[in-house]
Amino acid sequence: MKIVIAGGRHEADFIVKMFKEDHHELIVINQDRDFAEYISSTNNVPVFPGDPTKAYVMSDAAITGADVLIALAESDTDNYVICVTAKKQFQVKKTVSIVRNPKNVDLFKRLGVDSVISSTYMLGQVIKNEASIENITKTLSIEDEKIVVIEIGVEAEYKLVNLPIKKIEFPRNINISCIYRDPHVIIPNGSTIIRPGDKLIVISTPNEQEEVIEFLRRRS
């Protein structure tokens, strides 16, 4: 399968690692040149440095006819432009976009984006459904691939408590998508510190699901 990964930082790195293991053809576009070099060197894949909202960058990356494009830019508007350009000008079969504003989920779907993912939107569904710690709260499907989204409540005795994310040696194929710290929703970065009482919304793969839960719940 030919997969385009446009924009993003650690989300892009995570998805590249996940799909690379299954030998898909990956086209990675990233306008942050330093991070593009990091993704390329870490994953041994070519990365096209450039703004994925620009049609000429997509043309240079040869994305025409790709099976799926995943838009991971910081801006919802940029992600919409990326998806629409990919479908209309380059005949990409399916587009997937993350959105920062959960109100854009339904809007993007109405405007033609095939799959729209919002951490905050999913978090709302988790809380609404009162999912338990051990349950998978939702499974997102990209063609034949699966991403599992897990809710973990952080207890004071957990080893990762009071550590910044960048200091935690996570197992592979794990990404903390967002943190619910009542009443706030936090989109974490490397400096974000895990606190007791946090609810972590974690993205992983089905094969690593049990390992991820066990790792996060390790006690001091």
N, C-alpha and C. Protein backbone atom coordinates (compact mmCIF):
# COMPACT_ATOMS: atom_id res chain seq x y z
N MET A 1 0.85 -1.19 0.00
CA MET A 1 0.00 0.00 0.00
C MET A 1 0.89 1.25 0.00
N LYS A 2 0.50 2.24 -0.79
CA LYS A 2 1.25 3.49 -0.90
C LYS A 2 0.63 4.51 0.06
N ILE A 3 1.40 4.94 1.07
CA ILE A 3 0.88 5.79 2.13
C ILE A 3 1.69 7.08 2.18
N VAL A 4 0.98 8.20 2.21
CA VAL A 4 1.62 9.52 2.33
C VAL A 4 1.41 10.04 3.75
N ILE A 5 2.48 10.48 4.39
CA ILE A 5 2.41 11.05 5.73
C ILE A 5 2.88 12.50 5.64
N ALA A 6 1.93 13.42 5.82
CA ALA A 6 2.20 14.83 5.58
C ALA A 6 2.18 15.62 6.87
N GLY A 7 3.31 16.27 7.18
CA GLY A 7 3.38 17.10 8.37
C GLY A 7 3.53 16.29 9.65
N GLY A 8 3.40 16.99 10.78
CA GLY A 8 3.50 16.32 12.07
C GLY A 8 4.91 16.20 12.58
N ARG A 9 5.02 15.86 13.85
CA ARG A 9 6.32 15.64 14.45
C ARG A 9 6.36 14.23 15.01
N HIS A 10 6.19 14.08 16.32
CA HIS A 10 6.31 12.75 16.90
C HIS A 10 5.19 11.81 16.43
N GLU A 11 4.02 12.40 16.07
CA GLU A 11 2.96 11.56 15.50
C GLU A 11 3.43 10.95 14.18
N ALA A 12 4.11 11.77 13.38
CA ALA A 12 4.61 11.29 12.09
C ALA A 12 5.67 10.21 12.30
N ASP A 13 6.56 10.43 13.23
CA ASP A 13 7.60 9.43 13.53
C ASP A 13 6.97 8.11 13.96
N PHE A 14 5.95 8.19 14.82
CA PHE A 14 5.25 7.00 15.29
C PHE A 14 4.60 6.24 14.13
N ILE A 15 3.90 6.96 13.28
CA ILE A 15 3.18 6.30 12.18
C ILE A 15 4.15 5.73 11.16
N VAL A 16 5.25 6.43 10.89
CA VAL A 16 6.27 5.89 9.97
C VAL A 16 6.79 4.56 10.50
N LYS A 17 7.13 4.51 11.78
CA LYS A 17 7.64 3.27 12.37
C LYS A 17 6.62 2.14 12.26
N MET A 18 5.36 2.46 12.51
CA MET A 18 4.32 1.44 12.50
C MET A 18 4.13 0.84 11.11
N PHE A 19 4.03 1.70 10.08
CA PHE A 19 3.78 1.21 8.74
C PHE A 19 5.03 0.63 8.08
N LYS A 20 6.20 1.12 8.47
CA LYS A 20 7.44 0.63 7.88
C LYS A 20 7.64 -0.85 8.18
N GLU A 21 7.20 -1.29 9.35
CA GLU A 21 7.37 -2.70 9.73
C GLU A 21 6.63 -3.64 8.79
N ASP A 22 5.54 -3.15 8.18
CA ASP A 22 4.75 -3.98 7.29
C ASP A 22 5.10 -3.77 5.83
N HIS A 23 6.21 -3.06 5.58
CA HIS A 23 6.78 -2.94 4.24
C HIS A 23 5.85 -2.21 3.27
N HIS A 24 5.13 -1.20 3.76
CA HIS A 24 4.35 -0.36 2.87
C HIS A 24 5.28 0.63 2.18
N GLU A 25 4.84 1.14 1.04
CA GLU A 25 5.57 2.20 0.37
C GLU A 25 5.21 3.52 1.03
N LEU A 26 6.19 4.17 1.66
CA LEU A 26 5.92 5.39 2.42
C LEU A 26 6.47 6.61 1.70
N ILE A 27 5.64 7.65 1.64
CA ILE A 27 6.06 8.95 1.14
C ILE A 27 5.88 9.94 2.28
N VAL A 28 6.96 10.48 2.80
CA VAL A 28 6.90 11.36 3.97
C VAL A 28 7.25 12.77 3.54
N ILE A 29 6.36 13.73 3.89
CA ILE A 29 6.58 15.14 3.57
C ILE A 29 6.56 15.93 4.87
N ASN A 30 7.60 16.72 5.12
CA ASN A 30 7.66 17.47 6.37
C ASN A 30 8.40 18.78 6.13
N GLN A 31 7.79 19.89 6.54
CA GLN A 31 8.40 21.19 6.26
C GLN A 31 9.43 21.60 7.29
N ASP A 32 9.50 20.90 8.42
CA ASP A 32 10.54 21.15 9.41
C ASP A 32 11.78 20.36 9.00
N ARG A 33 12.76 21.04 8.43
CA ARG A 33 13.91 20.36 7.84
C ARG A 33 14.70 19.54 8.87
N ASP A 34 14.86 20.09 10.06
CA ASP A 34 15.59 19.36 11.10
C ASP A 34 14.85 18.08 11.47
N PHE A 35 13.53 18.18 11.62
CA PHE A 35 12.76 16.99 11.99
C PHE A 35 12.66 16.02 10.82
N ALA A 36 12.63 16.56 9.61
CA ALA A 36 12.64 15.69 8.42
C ALA A 36 13.90 14.84 8.40
N GLU A 37 15.03 15.47 8.71
CA GLU A 37 16.29 14.73 8.75
C GLU A 37 16.27 13.69 9.87
N TYR A 38 15.65 14.04 11.00
CA TYR A 38 15.55 13.09 12.11
C TYR A 38 14.72 11.87 11.70
N ILE A 39 13.54 12.10 11.11
CA ILE A 39 12.69 10.99 10.68
C ILE A 39 13.42 10.12 9.67
N SER A 40 14.10 10.77 8.72
CA SER A 40 14.80 10.03 7.67
C SER A 40 15.91 9.17 8.25
N SER A 41 16.73 9.75 9.12
CA SER A 41 17.87 9.00 9.66
C SER A 41 17.44 7.93 10.65
N THR A 42 16.40 8.22 11.43
CA THR A 42 15.93 7.26 12.44
C THR A 42 15.24 6.06 11.82
N ASN A 43 14.48 6.30 10.75
CA ASN A 43 13.66 5.25 10.16
C ASN A 43 14.19 4.72 8.83
N ASN A 44 15.29 5.34 8.35
CA ASN A 44 15.88 4.92 7.08
C ASN A 44 14.87 4.98 5.94
N VAL A 45 14.14 6.09 5.88
CA VAL A 45 13.19 6.32 4.78
C VAL A 45 13.46 7.71 4.21
N PRO A 46 13.20 7.91 2.92
CA PRO A 46 13.37 9.25 2.35
C PRO A 46 12.26 10.17 2.82
N VAL A 47 12.61 11.43 3.12
CA VAL A 47 11.64 12.42 3.54
C VAL A 47 11.80 13.65 2.64
N PHE A 48 10.67 14.14 2.10
CA PHE A 48 10.70 15.32 1.24
C PHE A 48 10.51 16.56 2.11
N PRO A 49 11.55 17.41 2.21
CA PRO A 49 11.39 18.63 3.01
C PRO A 49 10.60 19.66 2.22
N GLY A 50 9.51 20.12 2.79
CA GLY A 50 8.69 21.10 2.09
C GLY A 50 7.32 21.21 2.72
N ASP A 51 6.59 22.24 2.32
CA ASP A 51 5.26 22.51 2.87
C ASP A 51 4.24 21.62 2.15
N PRO A 52 3.61 20.67 2.87
CA PRO A 52 2.69 19.75 2.20
C PRO A 52 1.38 20.40 1.76
N THR A 53 1.14 21.67 2.13
CA THR A 53 -0.05 22.35 1.62
C THR A 53 0.15 22.84 0.20
N LYS A 54 1.38 22.80 -0.30
CA LYS A 54 1.70 23.29 -1.64
C LYS A 54 1.63 22.15 -2.66
N ALA A 55 0.89 22.37 -3.72
CA ALA A 55 0.71 21.33 -4.74
C ALA A 55 2.03 20.92 -5.37
N TYR A 56 2.94 21.90 -5.57
CA TYR A 56 4.21 21.56 -6.22
C TYR A 56 5.07 20.64 -5.34
N VAL A 57 4.91 20.76 -4.02
CA VAL A 57 5.64 19.87 -3.11
C VAL A 57 5.08 18.46 -3.23
N MET A 58 3.75 18.33 -3.27
CA MET A 58 3.13 17.02 -3.46
C MET A 58 3.54 16.42 -4.80
N SER A 59 3.63 17.25 -5.83
CA SER A 59 4.04 16.78 -7.15
C SER A 59 5.47 16.25 -7.11
N ASP A 60 6.36 17.01 -6.47
CA ASP A 60 7.76 16.57 -6.35
C ASP A 60 7.88 15.26 -5.59
N ALA A 61 6.97 15.06 -4.62
CA ALA A 61 7.00 13.84 -3.80
C ALA A 61 6.35 12.66 -4.51
N ALA A 62 5.73 12.92 -5.66
CA ALA A 62 5.11 11.86 -6.48
C ALA A 62 4.05 11.08 -5.71
N ILE A 63 3.06 11.81 -5.19
CA ILE A 63 2.02 11.15 -4.40
C ILE A 63 0.83 10.69 -5.24
N THR A 64 0.82 10.97 -6.53
CA THR A 64 -0.34 10.66 -7.38
C THR A 64 -0.76 9.20 -7.26
N GLY A 65 -2.07 9.02 -7.00
CA GLY A 65 -2.63 7.67 -6.94
C GLY A 65 -2.35 6.93 -5.65
N ALA A 66 -1.84 7.63 -4.62
CA ALA A 66 -1.56 6.95 -3.35
C ALA A 66 -2.85 6.36 -2.77
N ASP A 67 -2.70 5.29 -2.00
CA ASP A 67 -3.87 4.66 -1.39
C ASP A 67 -4.45 5.49 -0.25
N VAL A 68 -3.58 6.10 0.54
CA VAL A 68 -4.06 6.90 1.67
C VAL A 68 -3.06 8.00 1.98
N LEU A 69 -3.59 9.17 2.37
CA LEU A 69 -2.76 10.27 2.86
C LEU A 69 -3.20 10.59 4.28
N ILE A 70 -2.23 10.75 5.17
CA ILE A 70 -2.49 11.08 6.57
C ILE A 70 -1.93 12.47 6.83
N ALA A 71 -2.83 13.43 7.17
CA ALA A 71 -2.43 14.81 7.38
C ALA A 71 -2.27 15.07 8.87
N LEU A 72 -1.06 15.51 9.28
CA LEU A 72 -0.73 15.64 10.70
C LEU A 72 -0.24 17.04 11.07
N ALA A 73 -0.55 18.04 10.25
CA ALA A 73 -0.06 19.40 10.51
C ALA A 73 -0.66 19.97 11.79
N GLU A 74 -0.02 20.99 12.34
CA GLU A 74 -0.50 21.64 13.56
C GLU A 74 -1.81 22.38 13.32
N SER A 75 -2.00 22.91 12.12
CA SER A 75 -3.18 23.71 11.80
C SER A 75 -4.27 22.85 11.16
N ASP A 76 -5.49 22.94 11.68
CA ASP A 76 -6.62 22.23 11.06
C ASP A 76 -6.83 22.69 9.63
N THR A 77 -6.68 23.99 9.40
CA THR A 77 -6.86 24.52 8.04
C THR A 77 -5.84 23.91 7.09
N ASP A 78 -4.59 23.82 7.53
CA ASP A 78 -3.56 23.21 6.69
C ASP A 78 -3.91 21.75 6.39
N ASN A 79 -4.39 21.03 7.39
CA ASN A 79 -4.73 19.63 7.16
C ASN A 79 -5.87 19.48 6.15
N TYR A 80 -6.85 20.39 6.23
CA TYR A 80 -7.93 20.35 5.26
C TYR A 80 -7.40 20.61 3.85
N VAL A 81 -6.56 21.63 3.70
CA VAL A 81 -5.98 21.96 2.39
C VAL A 81 -5.18 20.77 1.85
N ILE A 82 -4.39 20.14 2.71
CA ILE A 82 -3.60 18.98 2.30
C ILE A 82 -4.51 17.87 1.77
N CYS A 83 -5.58 17.57 2.50
CA CYS A 83 -6.47 16.47 2.10
C CYS A 83 -7.20 16.79 0.79
N VAL A 84 -7.73 17.99 0.67
CA VAL A 84 -8.47 18.36 -0.54
C VAL A 84 -7.56 18.38 -1.75
N THR A 85 -6.37 18.95 -1.61
CA THR A 85 -5.42 18.99 -2.72
C THR A 85 -5.02 17.59 -3.14
N ALA A 86 -4.78 16.72 -2.18
CA ALA A 86 -4.37 15.35 -2.48
C ALA A 86 -5.45 14.60 -3.27
N LYS A 87 -6.72 14.80 -2.87
CA LYS A 87 -7.81 14.08 -3.54
C LYS A 87 -8.12 14.67 -4.91
N LYS A 88 -8.19 15.99 -5.00
CA LYS A 88 -8.64 16.62 -6.24
C LYS A 88 -7.56 16.70 -7.31
N GLN A 89 -6.31 16.94 -6.88
CA GLN A 89 -5.25 17.12 -7.87
C GLN A 89 -4.38 15.89 -8.08
N PHE A 90 -4.34 14.99 -7.08
CA PHE A 90 -3.42 13.87 -7.17
C PHE A 90 -4.11 12.51 -7.02
N GLN A 91 -5.43 12.53 -7.05
CA GLN A 91 -6.22 11.29 -7.08
C GLN A 91 -5.85 10.32 -5.95
N VAL A 92 -5.54 10.86 -4.79
CA VAL A 92 -5.31 10.01 -3.62
C VAL A 92 -6.65 9.39 -3.22
N LYS A 93 -6.65 8.08 -2.97
CA LYS A 93 -7.91 7.34 -2.79
C LYS A 93 -8.60 7.68 -1.47
N LYS A 94 -7.83 7.83 -0.39
CA LYS A 94 -8.45 8.07 0.92
C LYS A 94 -7.60 9.05 1.70
N THR A 95 -8.26 9.98 2.39
CA THR A 95 -7.54 10.95 3.21
C THR A 95 -7.95 10.80 4.67
N VAL A 96 -6.95 10.97 5.54
CA VAL A 96 -7.16 10.90 6.99
C VAL A 96 -6.53 12.14 7.59
N SER A 97 -7.26 12.83 8.45
CA SER A 97 -6.75 14.07 9.04
C SER A 97 -6.94 14.07 10.54
N ILE A 98 -5.92 14.55 11.26
CA ILE A 98 -6.13 14.88 12.67
C ILE A 98 -6.63 16.32 12.74
N VAL A 99 -7.42 16.63 13.76
CA VAL A 99 -7.87 18.01 13.99
C VAL A 99 -7.64 18.36 15.45
N ARG A 100 -7.27 19.60 15.68
CA ARG A 100 -7.06 20.08 17.05
C ARG A 100 -8.39 20.52 17.67
N ASN A 101 -9.25 21.08 16.84
CA ASN A 101 -10.55 21.55 17.32
C ASN A 101 -11.60 20.46 17.08
N PRO A 102 -12.15 19.87 18.14
CA PRO A 102 -13.10 18.77 17.95
C PRO A 102 -14.35 19.17 17.17
N LYS A 103 -14.67 20.48 17.13
CA LYS A 103 -15.82 20.93 16.37
C LYS A 103 -15.63 20.73 14.86
N ASN A 104 -14.38 20.52 14.45
CA ASN A 104 -14.10 20.35 13.03
C ASN A 104 -14.28 18.91 12.55
N VAL A 105 -14.54 17.98 13.46
CA VAL A 105 -14.68 16.58 13.05
C VAL A 105 -15.80 16.41 12.03
N ASP A 106 -17.01 16.81 12.40
CA ASP A 106 -18.15 16.67 11.50
C ASP A 106 -18.01 17.56 10.27
N LEU A 107 -17.46 18.76 10.45
CA LEU A 107 -17.29 19.68 9.33
C LEU A 107 -16.37 19.08 8.27
N PHE A 108 -15.22 18.56 8.70
CA PHE A 108 -14.28 17.98 7.75
C PHE A 108 -14.90 16.80 7.00
N LYS A 109 -15.67 15.99 7.72
CA LYS A 109 -16.31 14.85 7.06
C LYS A 109 -17.29 15.32 5.99
N ARG A 110 -18.06 16.38 6.31
CA ARG A 110 -19.01 16.91 5.33
C ARG A 110 -18.30 17.49 4.12
N LEU A 111 -17.08 18.00 4.33
CA LEU A 111 -16.33 18.62 3.24
C LEU A 111 -15.50 17.62 2.44
N GLY A 112 -15.60 16.34 2.80
CA GLY A 112 -15.00 15.33 1.94
C GLY A 112 -13.77 14.61 2.46
N VAL A 113 -13.32 14.95 3.68
CA VAL A 113 -12.20 14.21 4.27
C VAL A 113 -12.75 12.85 4.75
N ASP A 114 -12.11 11.77 4.37
CA ASP A 114 -12.67 10.44 4.61
C ASP A 114 -12.70 10.06 6.09
N SER A 115 -11.60 10.29 6.81
CA SER A 115 -11.54 9.95 8.23
C SER A 115 -10.95 11.14 8.98
N VAL A 116 -11.60 11.52 10.09
CA VAL A 116 -11.16 12.67 10.87
C VAL A 116 -10.96 12.21 12.31
N ILE A 117 -9.79 12.52 12.88
CA ILE A 117 -9.43 12.04 14.21
C ILE A 117 -9.14 13.24 15.11
N SER A 118 -9.83 13.29 16.24
CA SER A 118 -9.60 14.34 17.24
C SER A 118 -9.41 13.70 18.59
N SER A 119 -8.26 13.96 19.23
CA SER A 119 -8.01 13.41 20.57
C SER A 119 -9.06 13.88 21.56
N THR A 120 -9.40 15.17 21.48
CA THR A 120 -10.38 15.72 22.41
C THR A 120 -11.76 15.10 22.18
N TYR A 121 -12.11 14.93 20.91
CA TYR A 121 -13.40 14.31 20.58
C TYR A 121 -13.47 12.89 21.12
N MET A 122 -12.38 12.13 20.92
CA MET A 122 -12.36 10.76 21.42
C MET A 122 -12.40 10.74 22.94
N LEU A 123 -11.69 11.70 23.55
CA LEU A 123 -11.69 11.77 25.01
C LEU A 123 -13.11 11.99 25.54
N GLY A 124 -13.86 12.86 24.87
CA GLY A 124 -15.23 13.09 25.28
C GLY A 124 -16.07 11.83 25.21
N GLN A 125 -15.83 11.03 24.15
CA GLN A 125 -16.56 9.78 24.02
C GLN A 125 -16.17 8.81 25.13
N VAL A 126 -14.88 8.79 25.48
CA VAL A 126 -14.40 7.92 26.55
C VAL A 126 -15.10 8.24 27.86
N ILE A 127 -15.10 9.53 28.22
CA ILE A 127 -15.70 9.93 29.49
C ILE A 127 -17.21 9.68 29.47
N LYS A 128 -17.83 9.97 28.34
CA LYS A 128 -19.27 9.76 28.20
C LYS A 128 -19.64 8.30 28.40
N ASN A 129 -18.80 7.41 27.86
CA ASN A 129 -19.10 5.98 27.94
C ASN A 129 -18.55 5.33 29.20
N GLU A 130 -17.84 6.11 30.04
CA GLU A 130 -17.29 5.61 31.30
C GLU A 130 -16.47 4.34 31.09
N ALA A 131 -15.57 4.40 30.13
CA ALA A 131 -14.75 3.23 29.83
C ALA A 131 -13.80 2.95 30.97
N SER A 132 -13.52 1.68 31.24
CA SER A 132 -12.59 1.30 32.30
C SER A 132 -11.16 1.40 31.81
N ILE A 133 -10.22 1.38 32.74
CA ILE A 133 -8.81 1.52 32.40
C ILE A 133 -8.37 0.43 31.43
N GLU A 134 -8.86 -0.79 31.63
CA GLU A 134 -8.35 -1.92 30.84
C GLU A 134 -8.94 -1.97 29.44
N ASN A 135 -10.03 -1.24 29.18
CA ASN A 135 -10.71 -1.38 27.91
C ASN A 135 -10.07 -0.54 26.82
N ILE A 136 -10.14 -1.03 25.61
CA ILE A 136 -9.84 -0.21 24.45
C ILE A 136 -11.04 0.69 24.27
N THR A 137 -10.82 2.00 24.23
CA THR A 137 -11.96 2.89 24.18
C THR A 137 -12.48 3.07 22.75
N LYS A 138 -11.62 2.92 21.78
CA LYS A 138 -12.06 3.03 20.40
C LYS A 138 -10.97 2.47 19.50
N THR A 139 -11.35 1.86 18.39
CA THR A 139 -10.39 1.37 17.42
C THR A 139 -10.58 2.13 16.13
N LEU A 140 -9.49 2.74 15.64
CA LEU A 140 -9.53 3.48 14.40
C LEU A 140 -8.93 2.62 13.30
N SER A 141 -9.60 2.55 12.16
CA SER A 141 -9.14 1.69 11.08
C SER A 141 -8.66 2.53 9.90
N ILE A 142 -7.44 2.24 9.46
CA ILE A 142 -6.93 2.82 8.22
C ILE A 142 -6.68 1.66 7.28
N GLU A 143 -7.62 1.47 6.33
CA GLU A 143 -7.60 0.31 5.46
C GLU A 143 -7.55 -0.94 6.32
N ASP A 144 -6.52 -1.81 6.12
CA ASP A 144 -6.45 -3.05 6.87
C ASP A 144 -5.65 -2.92 8.15
N GLU A 145 -5.18 -1.69 8.46
CA GLU A 145 -4.37 -1.49 9.65
C GLU A 145 -5.26 -1.06 10.81
N LYS A 146 -4.81 -1.30 12.02
CA LYS A 146 -5.58 -0.91 13.19
C LYS A 146 -4.70 -0.09 14.14
N ILE A 147 -5.30 0.96 14.68
CA ILE A 147 -4.68 1.73 15.75
C ILE A 147 -5.61 1.62 16.94
N VAL A 148 -5.09 1.25 18.10
CA VAL A 148 -5.93 1.18 19.28
C VAL A 148 -5.68 2.40 20.16
N VAL A 149 -6.75 2.90 20.74
CA VAL A 149 -6.70 4.06 21.61
C VAL A 149 -7.11 3.62 23.01
N ILE A 150 -6.22 3.80 23.97
CA ILE A 150 -6.41 3.25 25.31
C ILE A 150 -6.46 4.39 26.33
N GLU A 151 -7.35 4.28 27.28
CA GLU A 151 -7.40 5.24 28.39
C GLU A 151 -6.73 4.62 29.62
N ILE A 152 -5.78 5.35 30.20
CA ILE A 152 -5.11 4.90 31.42
C ILE A 152 -5.23 5.99 32.49
N GLY A 153 -5.76 5.65 33.65
CA GLY A 153 -5.79 6.58 34.77
C GLY A 153 -4.50 6.46 35.56
N VAL A 154 -3.84 7.59 35.83
CA VAL A 154 -2.53 7.59 36.48
C VAL A 154 -2.70 7.63 38.00
N GLU A 155 -2.10 6.66 38.68
CA GLU A 155 -2.13 6.62 40.14
C GLU A 155 -0.80 7.12 40.70
N ALA A 156 -0.83 7.57 41.94
CA ALA A 156 0.34 8.22 42.54
C ALA A 156 1.56 7.30 42.61
N GLU A 157 1.33 5.99 42.65
CA GLU A 157 2.44 5.04 42.81
C GLU A 157 3.10 4.66 41.48
N TYR A 158 2.56 5.12 40.38
CA TYR A 158 3.13 4.74 39.08
C TYR A 158 4.52 5.36 38.91
N LYS A 159 5.42 4.62 38.26
CA LYS A 159 6.81 5.08 38.08
C LYS A 159 6.91 6.34 37.25
N LEU A 160 5.99 6.53 36.30
CA LEU A 160 6.11 7.68 35.41
C LEU A 160 5.59 8.98 36.01
N VAL A 161 5.05 8.92 37.23
CA VAL A 161 4.51 10.11 37.88
C VAL A 161 5.62 11.13 38.14
N ASN A 162 5.33 12.39 37.83
CA ASN A 162 6.22 13.54 38.03
C ASN A 162 7.44 13.54 37.11
N LEU A 163 7.38 12.73 36.06
CA LEU A 163 8.45 12.74 35.06
C LEU A 163 7.97 13.44 33.79
N PRO A 164 8.87 14.24 33.14
CA PRO A 164 8.50 14.77 31.82
C PRO A 164 8.51 13.63 30.80
N ILE A 165 7.66 13.73 29.80
CA ILE A 165 7.52 12.67 28.82
C ILE A 165 8.85 12.33 28.15
N LYS A 166 9.69 13.34 27.90
CA LYS A 166 10.95 13.09 27.20
C LYS A 166 11.93 12.26 28.03
N LYS A 167 11.69 12.16 29.35
CA LYS A 167 12.57 11.38 30.21
C LYS A 167 12.09 9.93 30.39
N ILE A 168 10.94 9.60 29.82
CA ILE A 168 10.37 8.26 29.98
C ILE A 168 10.76 7.41 28.78
N GLU A 169 11.37 6.26 29.03
CA GLU A 169 11.80 5.38 27.94
C GLU A 169 10.65 4.45 27.56
N PHE A 170 9.77 4.98 26.70
CA PHE A 170 8.59 4.23 26.30
C PHE A 170 8.96 3.05 25.41
N PRO A 171 8.16 1.98 25.44
CA PRO A 171 8.33 0.92 24.44
C PRO A 171 7.95 1.45 23.07
N ARG A 172 8.27 0.69 22.03
CA ARG A 172 7.98 1.14 20.67
C ARG A 172 6.46 1.18 20.45
N ASN A 173 6.07 1.89 19.39
CA ASN A 173 4.67 1.96 18.97
C ASN A 173 3.73 2.44 20.06
N ILE A 174 4.13 3.54 20.70
CA ILE A 174 3.25 4.16 21.70
C ILE A 174 3.34 5.66 21.54
N ASN A 175 2.20 6.32 21.67
CA ASN A 175 2.16 7.77 21.60
C ASN A 175 1.07 8.28 22.54
N ILE A 176 1.43 9.18 23.46
CA ILE A 176 0.42 9.80 24.32
C ILE A 176 -0.23 10.92 23.52
N SER A 177 -1.45 10.68 23.09
CA SER A 177 -2.13 11.62 22.21
C SER A 177 -2.63 12.85 22.95
N CYS A 178 -3.23 12.64 24.13
CA CYS A 178 -3.65 13.78 24.94
C CYS A 178 -3.78 13.34 26.39
N ILE A 179 -3.84 14.33 27.26
CA ILE A 179 -3.97 14.09 28.70
C ILE A 179 -5.17 14.87 29.21
N TYR A 180 -6.07 14.19 29.91
CA TYR A 180 -7.18 14.89 30.55
C TYR A 180 -6.80 15.13 32.01
N ARG A 181 -6.63 16.40 32.35
CA ARG A 181 -6.29 16.81 33.72
C ARG A 181 -7.39 17.77 34.16
N ASP A 182 -8.40 17.21 34.78
CA ASP A 182 -9.64 17.92 35.10
C ASP A 182 -9.38 19.33 35.61
N PRO A 183 -9.92 20.38 34.97
CA PRO A 183 -10.89 20.35 33.88
C PRO A 183 -10.26 20.55 32.51
N HIS A 184 -8.96 20.37 32.37
CA HIS A 184 -8.26 20.74 31.15
C HIS A 184 -7.93 19.51 30.30
N VAL A 185 -7.85 19.75 28.99
CA VAL A 185 -7.34 18.76 28.05
C VAL A 185 -5.99 19.28 27.55
N ILE A 186 -4.95 18.46 27.71
CA ILE A 186 -3.59 18.88 27.36
C ILE A 186 -3.11 18.06 26.17
N ILE A 187 -2.63 18.76 25.14
CA ILE A 187 -1.92 18.09 24.04
C ILE A 187 -0.45 18.10 24.42
N PRO A 188 0.12 16.96 24.79
CA PRO A 188 1.44 16.95 25.43
C PRO A 188 2.59 17.13 24.45
N ASN A 189 3.73 17.58 25.01
CA ASN A 189 5.00 17.58 24.29
C ASN A 189 6.04 16.96 25.21
N GLY A 190 7.28 16.98 24.81
CA GLY A 190 8.33 16.31 25.58
C GLY A 190 8.50 16.84 26.98
N SER A 191 8.13 18.11 27.20
CA SER A 191 8.31 18.73 28.52
C SER A 191 7.11 18.52 29.44
N THR A 192 6.03 17.98 28.93
CA THR A 192 4.83 17.78 29.74
C THR A 192 5.11 16.74 30.84
N ILE A 193 4.76 17.08 32.07
CA ILE A 193 5.00 16.20 33.22
C ILE A 193 3.72 15.43 33.55
N ILE A 194 3.85 14.12 33.74
CA ILE A 194 2.72 13.27 34.10
C ILE A 194 2.42 13.47 35.59
N ARG A 195 1.15 13.71 35.91
CA ARG A 195 0.74 13.96 37.29
C ARG A 195 -0.24 12.88 37.76
N PRO A 196 -0.26 12.61 39.09
CA PRO A 196 -1.28 11.70 39.62
C PRO A 196 -2.67 12.22 39.29
N GLY A 197 -3.56 11.31 38.92
CA GLY A 197 -4.92 11.71 38.58
C GLY A 197 -5.13 12.02 37.12
N ASP A 198 -4.02 12.15 36.35
CA ASP A 198 -4.16 12.35 34.91
C ASP A 198 -4.84 11.15 34.26
N LYS A 199 -5.58 11.39 33.19
CA LYS A 199 -6.05 10.32 32.33
C LYS A 199 -5.31 10.44 31.01
N LEU A 200 -4.53 9.42 30.68
CA LEU A 200 -3.75 9.41 29.45
C LEU A 200 -4.55 8.75 28.34
N ILE A 201 -4.62 9.41 27.20
CA ILE A 201 -5.21 8.80 26.01
C ILE A 201 -4.03 8.40 25.13
N VAL A 202 -3.83 7.10 25.01
CA VAL A 202 -2.61 6.54 24.41
C VAL A 202 -2.95 5.82 23.11
N ILE A 203 -2.17 6.09 22.07
CA ILE A 203 -2.33 5.40 20.79
C ILE A 203 -1.23 4.35 20.67
N SER A 204 -1.62 3.16 20.29
CA SER A 204 -0.66 2.09 20.07
C SER A 204 -1.21 1.15 19.00
N THR A 205 -0.61 -0.02 18.89
CA THR A 205 -1.08 -1.04 17.95
C THR A 205 -1.62 -2.22 18.74
N PRO A 206 -2.50 -3.02 18.14
CA PRO A 206 -3.06 -4.16 18.88
C PRO A 206 -2.00 -5.09 19.45
N ASN A 207 -0.92 -5.32 18.71
CA ASN A 207 0.11 -6.26 19.17
C ASN A 207 0.82 -5.77 20.42
N GLU A 208 0.95 -4.46 20.55
CA GLU A 208 1.67 -3.90 21.71
C GLU A 208 0.73 -3.45 22.83
N GLN A 209 -0.57 -3.64 22.66
CA GLN A 209 -1.53 -3.10 23.61
C GLN A 209 -1.26 -3.54 25.06
N GLU A 210 -1.10 -4.83 25.28
CA GLU A 210 -0.89 -5.33 26.64
C GLU A 210 0.43 -4.84 27.21
N GLU A 211 1.46 -4.81 26.37
CA GLU A 211 2.77 -4.33 26.82
C GLU A 211 2.68 -2.86 27.23
N VAL A 212 1.95 -2.07 26.45
CA VAL A 212 1.81 -0.64 26.75
C VAL A 212 1.10 -0.43 28.08
N ILE A 213 -0.01 -1.14 28.30
CA ILE A 213 -0.76 -1.00 29.56
C ILE A 213 0.11 -1.39 30.74
N GLU A 214 0.83 -2.52 30.60
CA GLU A 214 1.70 -2.97 31.68
C GLU A 214 2.79 -1.96 31.98
N PHE A 215 3.38 -1.38 30.91
CA PHE A 215 4.45 -0.40 31.09
C PHE A 215 3.94 0.84 31.82
N LEU A 216 2.81 1.36 31.39
CA LEU A 216 2.28 2.59 31.98
C LEU A 216 1.86 2.41 33.44
N ARG A 217 1.48 1.19 33.80
CA ARG A 217 0.98 0.94 35.16
C ARG A 217 2.04 0.38 36.09
N ARG A 218 3.30 0.42 35.67
CA ARG A 218 4.37 -0.04 36.56
C ARG A 218 4.41 0.85 37.81
N ARG A 219 4.66 0.21 38.93
CA ARG A 219 4.67 0.93 40.21
C ARG A 219 6.10 1.08 40.76
N SER A 220 6.29 2.10 41.54
CA SER A 220 7.61 2.36 42.13
C SER A 220 7.95 1.33 43.17
